[in-house]
Protein backbone atom coordinates (compact mmCIF):
# COMPACT_ATOMS: atom_id res chain seq x y z
CA MET A 1 -131.94 110.63 77.60
CA LEU A 2 -128.62 111.26 79.35
CA VAL A 3 -127.04 108.48 77.30
CA SER A 4 -128.29 110.13 74.10
CA LEU A 5 -126.96 113.51 75.19
CA ALA A 6 -123.57 111.97 75.98
CA ALA A 7 -123.60 110.27 72.57
CA ALA A 8 -124.22 113.61 70.83
CA LEU A 9 -121.33 115.22 72.73
CA VAL A 10 -118.99 112.35 71.83
CA ALA A 11 -120.07 112.68 68.18
CA ALA A 12 -119.13 116.39 68.21
CA LEU A 13 -115.75 115.53 69.73
CA CYS A 14 -115.09 112.90 67.06
CA TYR A 15 -116.15 115.14 64.18
CA GLY A 16 -114.01 118.02 65.46
CA LEU A 17 -110.91 115.86 65.69
CA ALA A 18 -111.53 114.18 62.33
CA ALA A 19 -112.03 117.57 60.63
CA VAL A 20 -108.49 118.65 61.51
CA MET A 21 -107.04 115.39 60.25
CA GLN A 22 -109.04 115.47 57.01
CA ALA A 23 -108.11 119.07 56.25
CA ILE A 24 -104.45 118.09 56.43
CA ALA A 25 -105.07 115.08 54.20
CA VAL A 26 -106.87 117.21 51.59
CA ARG A 27 -104.00 119.66 51.42
CA ALA A 28 -101.50 116.82 51.05
CA SER A 29 -103.52 115.08 48.34
CA SER A 30 -104.69 118.03 46.24
CA ARG A 31 -103.25 118.42 42.76
CA ARG A 32 -104.42 122.01 42.64
CA LEU A 33 -101.79 123.37 44.99
CA VAL A 34 -99.14 125.52 43.37
CA PRO A 35 -96.38 127.57 45.05
CA GLY A 36 -98.68 130.59 45.24
CA GLY A 37 -101.68 128.64 46.55
CA LEU A 38 -104.59 127.00 44.78
CA ASP A 39 -104.59 127.14 41.00
CA GLY A 40 -108.32 127.95 40.98
CA SER A 41 -109.43 125.14 38.71
CA GLY A 42 -113.02 124.01 39.18
CA GLY A 43 -114.81 120.70 39.26
CA VAL A 44 -115.28 117.92 41.77
CA ASP A 45 -112.19 115.71 41.73
CA PRO A 46 -113.22 112.07 42.42
CA GLY A 47 -109.55 111.06 42.51
CA LEU A 48 -109.02 113.32 45.52
CA VAL A 49 -110.65 110.83 47.89
CA ILE A 50 -108.65 107.94 46.41
CA ARG A 51 -105.39 109.84 46.99
CA MET A 52 -106.49 110.73 50.50
CA LEU A 53 -107.22 107.08 51.29
CA ARG A 54 -103.52 106.32 50.83
CA GLN A 55 -102.69 108.38 53.91
CA TRP A 56 -102.86 106.79 57.35
CA LEU A 57 -103.97 110.10 58.85
CA PHE A 58 -107.04 110.18 56.62
CA ALA A 59 -107.83 106.51 57.23
CA ALA A 60 -107.71 107.11 60.97
CA SER A 61 -109.97 110.15 60.60
CA LEU A 62 -112.54 108.00 58.77
CA ALA A 63 -112.61 105.54 61.67
CA ILE A 64 -113.12 108.43 64.09
CA ASP A 65 -115.84 109.87 61.85
CA LEU A 66 -117.59 106.51 61.69
CA PHE A 67 -117.61 106.18 65.47
CA GLY A 68 -118.94 109.73 65.72
CA PHE A 69 -121.69 108.92 63.24
CA VAL A 70 -122.77 105.90 65.26
CA CYS A 71 -122.96 108.15 68.32
CA GLN A 72 -125.00 110.65 66.32
CA LEU A 73 -127.46 107.93 65.30
CA ILE A 74 -127.87 106.94 68.95
CA ALA A 75 -128.50 110.57 69.89
CA LEU A 76 -131.08 111.06 67.13
CA ARG A 77 -133.13 108.15 68.43
CA ARG A 78 -134.02 110.05 71.63
CA LEU A 79 -133.21 113.75 71.13
CA PRO A 80 -134.83 116.36 68.84
CA LEU A 81 -133.10 117.20 65.59
CA PHE A 82 -132.53 120.81 66.62
CA GLU A 83 -130.57 119.74 69.70
CA VAL A 84 -128.45 117.06 68.04
CA GLN A 85 -127.57 119.24 65.05
CA VAL A 86 -126.47 122.18 67.20
CA ILE A 87 -124.35 119.87 69.37
CA ILE A 88 -122.78 118.50 66.18
CA ALA A 89 -122.15 122.10 65.08
CA ALA A 90 -120.14 122.48 68.29
CA ASN A 91 -117.44 120.34 66.67
CA LEU A 92 -115.92 123.58 65.37
CA ALA A 93 -115.27 124.62 68.96
CA VAL A 94 -113.75 121.19 69.54
CA THR A 95 -111.55 121.70 66.48
CA ALA A 96 -110.35 125.08 67.78
CA VAL A 97 -109.49 123.72 71.22
CA PHE A 98 -107.82 120.65 69.71
CA ALA A 99 -105.71 122.80 67.38
CA SER A 100 -104.74 125.04 70.29
CA TRP A 101 -103.66 122.06 72.38
CA LEU A 102 -101.98 119.79 69.82
CA MET A 103 -100.68 122.24 67.21
CA HIS A 104 -99.87 125.04 69.66
CA THR A 105 -101.94 127.60 67.78
CA VAL A 106 -102.99 130.66 69.74
CA LEU A 107 -106.68 131.42 70.09
CA THR A 108 -107.66 135.03 70.66
CA ALA A 109 -109.83 136.13 73.57
CA ARG A 110 -112.78 136.41 71.18
CA GLU A 111 -112.26 132.86 69.99
CA TRP A 112 -112.19 131.55 73.55
CA LEU A 113 -115.34 133.57 74.21
CA ALA A 114 -117.00 131.93 71.20
CA VAL A 115 -115.94 128.48 72.45
CA THR A 116 -117.45 129.27 75.85
CA ALA A 117 -120.66 130.55 74.25
CA VAL A 118 -121.01 127.32 72.25
CA VAL A 119 -120.72 125.31 75.46
CA VAL A 120 -123.29 127.52 77.22
CA GLY A 121 -125.69 127.28 74.27
CA VAL A 122 -125.41 123.50 74.17
CA GLY A 123 -126.00 123.41 77.92
CA LEU A 124 -129.18 125.45 77.57
CA LEU A 125 -130.42 123.12 74.86
CA GLY A 126 -129.60 120.04 76.87
CA SER A 127 -131.58 121.29 79.85
CA SER A 128 -134.67 122.33 77.89
CA SER A 129 -135.29 119.87 75.06
CA GLY A 130 -137.67 116.95 75.32
CA SER A 131 -136.95 113.36 74.40
CA GLU A 132 -138.18 111.92 71.12
CA GLY A 133 -138.41 108.60 69.32
CA ALA A 134 -138.36 107.48 65.71
CA ALA A 135 -140.95 109.50 63.79
CA PRO A 136 -143.34 107.57 61.49
CA VAL A 137 -143.60 109.16 58.04
CA GLY A 138 -145.35 108.28 54.81
CA ALA A 139 -144.11 107.45 51.34
CA ASP A 140 -144.41 111.09 50.28
CA PHE A 141 -141.83 112.10 52.86
CA HIS A 142 -139.37 109.48 51.65
CA LEU A 143 -139.86 110.56 48.03
CA ALA A 144 -139.30 114.19 49.02
CA LEU A 145 -135.99 113.25 50.66
CA ILE A 146 -134.86 111.40 47.53
CA ALA A 147 -135.84 114.33 45.30
CA ALA A 148 -134.05 116.78 47.59
CA LEU A 149 -130.89 114.67 47.50
CA ALA A 150 -130.97 114.49 43.70
CA ALA A 151 -131.31 118.28 43.55
CA ILE A 152 -128.36 118.68 45.94
CA ALA A 153 -126.18 116.44 43.75
CA LEU A 154 -127.07 118.34 40.56
CA ALA A 155 -126.52 121.68 42.27
CA GLY A 156 -123.14 120.43 43.48
CA VAL A 157 -122.00 119.75 39.92
CA ALA A 158 -123.03 123.27 38.95
CA ALA A 159 -121.45 124.85 42.07
CA ALA A 160 -118.12 123.19 41.29
CA ARG A 161 -117.92 125.34 38.15
CA LEU A 162 -118.49 128.63 39.92
CA PRO A 163 -115.72 131.25 40.21
CA GLY A 164 -113.28 130.71 43.07
CA GLY A 165 -114.81 133.22 45.48
CA ALA A 166 -118.28 131.66 45.32
CA ARG A 167 -117.32 128.02 44.83
CA THR A 168 -116.19 127.21 48.37
CA PRO A 169 -119.22 128.56 50.30
CA ALA A 170 -121.62 127.15 47.69
CA LEU A 171 -120.12 123.66 47.88
CA GLY A 172 -119.98 123.90 51.66
CA ALA A 173 -123.65 124.92 51.86
CA LEU A 174 -124.69 122.05 49.59
CA ALA A 175 -122.62 119.62 51.64
CA GLY A 176 -124.42 120.97 54.71
CA LEU A 177 -127.79 120.32 53.08
CA GLY A 178 -126.64 116.78 52.37
CA TYR A 179 -125.54 116.22 55.95
CA GLY A 180 -128.86 117.66 57.08
CA THR A 181 -130.56 115.06 54.89
CA VAL A 182 -128.48 112.38 56.61
CA ALA A 183 -129.72 113.61 60.01
CA VAL A 184 -133.36 113.62 58.91
CA CYS A 185 -133.01 110.10 57.49
CA ALA A 186 -131.43 108.89 60.73
CA ARG A 187 -134.26 110.48 62.70
CA ILE A 188 -136.94 108.49 60.84
CA LEU A 189 -135.20 105.10 60.79
CA PRO A 190 -137.49 102.48 62.34
CA GLY A 191 -134.57 100.74 64.03
CA PHE A 192 -131.02 99.47 63.58
CA THR A 193 -131.57 95.74 63.06
CA PRO A 194 -130.67 94.39 59.59
CA HIS A 195 -134.31 93.49 58.94
CA GLU A 196 -135.49 97.04 59.72
CA LEU A 197 -132.72 98.73 57.75
CA VAL A 198 -133.20 96.63 54.61
CA ARG A 199 -136.91 97.48 54.54
CA SER A 200 -136.49 101.22 55.17
CA PRO A 201 -136.05 103.61 52.19
CA ALA A 202 -134.49 106.10 54.61
CA ALA A 203 -131.51 103.78 55.12
CA TYR A 204 -130.61 103.86 51.42
CA THR A 205 -131.16 107.60 51.19
CA LEU A 206 -128.96 108.07 54.25
CA VAL A 207 -126.06 106.19 52.67
CA ALA A 208 -126.38 108.05 49.37
CA ALA A 209 -126.61 111.40 51.16
CA GLY A 210 -123.51 110.61 53.20
CA VAL A 211 -121.45 109.80 50.11
CA ILE A 212 -122.64 112.86 48.17
CA SER A 213 -122.12 115.18 51.13
CA PHE A 214 -118.63 113.87 51.74
CA MET A 215 -117.65 114.44 48.11
CA LEU A 216 -119.06 117.97 48.16
CA TYR A 217 -117.31 118.82 51.43
CA ALA A 218 -114.00 117.45 50.15
CA ALA A 219 -114.42 119.56 47.00
CA ALA A 220 -115.16 122.63 49.15
CA LEU A 221 -112.01 122.05 51.20
CA ASP A 222 -110.02 121.50 48.04
CA SER A 223 -111.24 124.72 46.41
CA GLY A 224 -110.51 127.21 49.17
CA SER A 225 -110.64 128.12 52.83
CA VAL A 226 -111.25 125.36 55.36
CA THR A 227 -113.08 127.70 57.73
CA VAL A 228 -115.34 129.18 55.04
CA ALA A 229 -116.31 125.67 53.91
CA THR A 230 -116.89 124.51 57.48
CA ALA A 231 -118.93 127.58 58.44
CA SER A 232 -121.18 127.02 55.42
CA VAL A 233 -121.66 123.38 56.34
CA ILE A 234 -122.49 124.19 59.97
CA LEU A 235 -125.04 126.84 59.09
CA VAL A 236 -126.94 124.77 56.53
CA GLU A 237 -126.75 121.36 58.21
CA THR A 238 -128.29 122.83 61.39
CA ILE A 239 -131.18 125.15 60.54
CA PRO A 240 -133.13 123.25 57.81
CA PRO A 241 -133.20 119.92 59.74
CA ALA A 242 -134.27 121.77 62.89
CA ILE A 243 -137.19 123.30 60.99
CA VAL A 244 -138.14 119.93 59.50
CA GLY A 245 -137.99 118.32 62.93
CA VAL A 246 -140.23 120.90 64.58
CA LEU A 247 -142.78 121.22 61.75
CA LEU A 248 -142.98 117.66 60.44
CA LEU A 249 -141.45 115.22 62.93
CA GLY A 250 -142.92 116.40 66.22
CA ASP A 251 -139.72 117.66 67.91
CA THR A 252 -140.58 119.59 71.07
CA THR A 253 -139.05 121.08 74.21
CA ARG A 254 -139.95 120.50 77.82
CA PRO A 255 -143.11 122.32 78.89
CA GLY A 256 -142.45 126.04 79.34
CA MET A 257 -138.85 125.85 78.09
CA ALA A 258 -139.28 126.70 74.41
CA GLY A 259 -137.71 130.15 74.91
CA LEU A 260 -134.69 128.69 76.70
CA ALA A 261 -134.20 126.12 73.96
CA ALA A 262 -134.45 128.81 71.26
CA ALA A 263 -131.89 130.95 73.09
CA GLY A 264 -129.50 128.01 73.41
CA PHE A 265 -129.94 127.09 69.75
CA VAL A 266 -129.21 130.62 68.52
CA LEU A 267 -126.31 131.17 70.93
CA ALA A 268 -124.58 127.91 70.05
CA LEU A 269 -125.11 128.27 66.29
CA VAL A 270 -124.08 131.93 66.06
CA SER A 271 -121.03 131.28 68.24
CA ALA A 272 -119.95 128.35 66.07
CA ILE A 273 -120.23 130.47 62.93
CA ALA A 274 -118.42 133.34 64.66
CA LEU A 275 -115.66 130.95 65.67
CA ALA A 276 -115.19 129.99 62.03
CA ARG A 277 -115.00 133.69 61.06
CA PHE A 278 -112.50 134.46 63.82
CA GLY A 279 -110.35 131.54 62.70
CA GLU A 280 -110.36 132.87 59.14
CA ALA A 281 -109.64 136.43 60.22
CA GLY A 282 -106.41 135.32 61.75
CA GLY A 283 -104.84 134.16 58.51
CA GLY A 284 -104.67 134.50 54.80
CA HIS A 285 -102.17 135.68 52.25
CA GLY A 286 -101.40 139.29 52.01
CA GLY A 287 -103.69 141.27 49.81
CA GLY A 288 -106.63 139.00 50.48
CA HIS A 289 -110.15 139.87 49.47
CA GLY A 290 -112.11 142.35 51.46
CA GLY A 291 -111.02 144.85 54.04
CA GLY A 292 -111.26 142.62 57.10
CA ARG A 293 -108.55 143.32 59.63
CA GLY A 294 -105.71 140.88 60.22
CA GLY A 295 -106.29 139.02 56.96
CA ALA A 296 -102.59 138.46 56.35
CA ASP A 297 -101.97 136.89 59.74
CA SER A 298 -104.69 134.26 59.67
CA ALA A 299 -103.53 132.20 56.69
CA GLY A 300 -100.02 132.35 57.98
CA ALA A 301 -101.18 130.98 61.33
CA ALA A 302 -103.12 128.22 59.58
CA ALA A 303 -100.10 127.38 57.42
CA ARG A 304 -97.81 127.25 60.46
CA ALA A 305 -100.27 124.93 62.18
CA GLU A 306 -100.32 122.63 59.15
CA HIS A 307 -96.51 122.72 58.97
CA ARG A 308 -96.30 121.57 62.61
CA VAL A 309 -98.58 118.63 61.88
CA ALA A 310 -96.77 117.91 58.62
CA ARG A 311 -93.53 117.66 60.54
CA ALA A 312 -95.20 115.49 63.20
CA VAL A 313 -96.52 112.94 60.68
CA GLY A 314 -93.39 113.01 58.57
CA ARG A 315 -94.75 114.33 55.27
CA PRO A 316 -93.56 117.23 53.11
CA ASP A 317 -95.53 120.44 53.47
CA GLU A 318 -97.86 121.60 50.70
CA LEU A 319 -95.04 123.41 48.89
CA GLY A 320 -92.93 120.28 48.76
CA HIS A 321 -90.36 121.14 51.43
CA ASP A 322 -89.34 118.25 53.66
CA TRP A 323 -89.23 118.93 57.38
CA GLN A 324 -85.88 118.06 58.92
CA PRO A 325 -85.18 117.56 62.61
CA GLY A 326 -84.50 120.90 64.18
CA ALA A 327 -86.07 122.83 61.32
CA GLN A 328 -87.06 126.35 62.20
CA ARG A 329 -90.69 126.80 63.24
CA GLY A 330 -92.93 128.68 60.83
């Protein structure tokens, strides 16, 4: 069980690091960026991923993501869905700490508090959840997963045509549902040998769900705020799989520790979502939507962080300005 818990933590670390790298790659590859920001056009852009694949930063992030996914599969073999998914949600805290360390962004006291709360929540879950194994399910369950994935894909096409303000959270939520489907499929896999995978419908559904979710998440990042998209993904990829695991797959806690596990789950999830909101509140262009405080500072901070990385990897920033040695910091 300790190996599985360590694997889940490594998966969160990998996903958090890869998220930063992929966000930079999306901004560099998008054709929707204009001097004032995004042009607001809708639709899922399949060519976006192809353009991103030409960047070494994105290719490296895929390798990190793949390693993280393998660790997640290992964790799901022995840990309940609700524990693994919340630990994976902690990747947002990893992203915040990584950005603070590598890109020299400044986290507020509330953001550090949210990071700490995520760690505490994960610790509570780790100390209270029971160990599980692969859950046997019938053909009806497999068919329900396939039908759910088809509905997610169709809804994604429709969500891509929504107005700008609703498009990003809708695409992010649908991507989260897809990633939740991936987790459920991984939970019911009979094993990892080629013979077992070829014979399992869940293996094929898992692959399809991964591709669809990735496309939806890339479209969400391309259409608006990184933190709004990520917060939507975290919320929806965590709660529905946890419910499925408890109600249908036999996920349990240690005897007498259900309350502690519930507290850890809520604390970690709410803190991860709050961390996404705090990150968004720090930036944005002047005159942003809503009356939230500090809206103008947050986008500027995010832009400065991206400019630092752009200079580090030697690419022009999103407005087409080349970074020169000794250029003034944003």
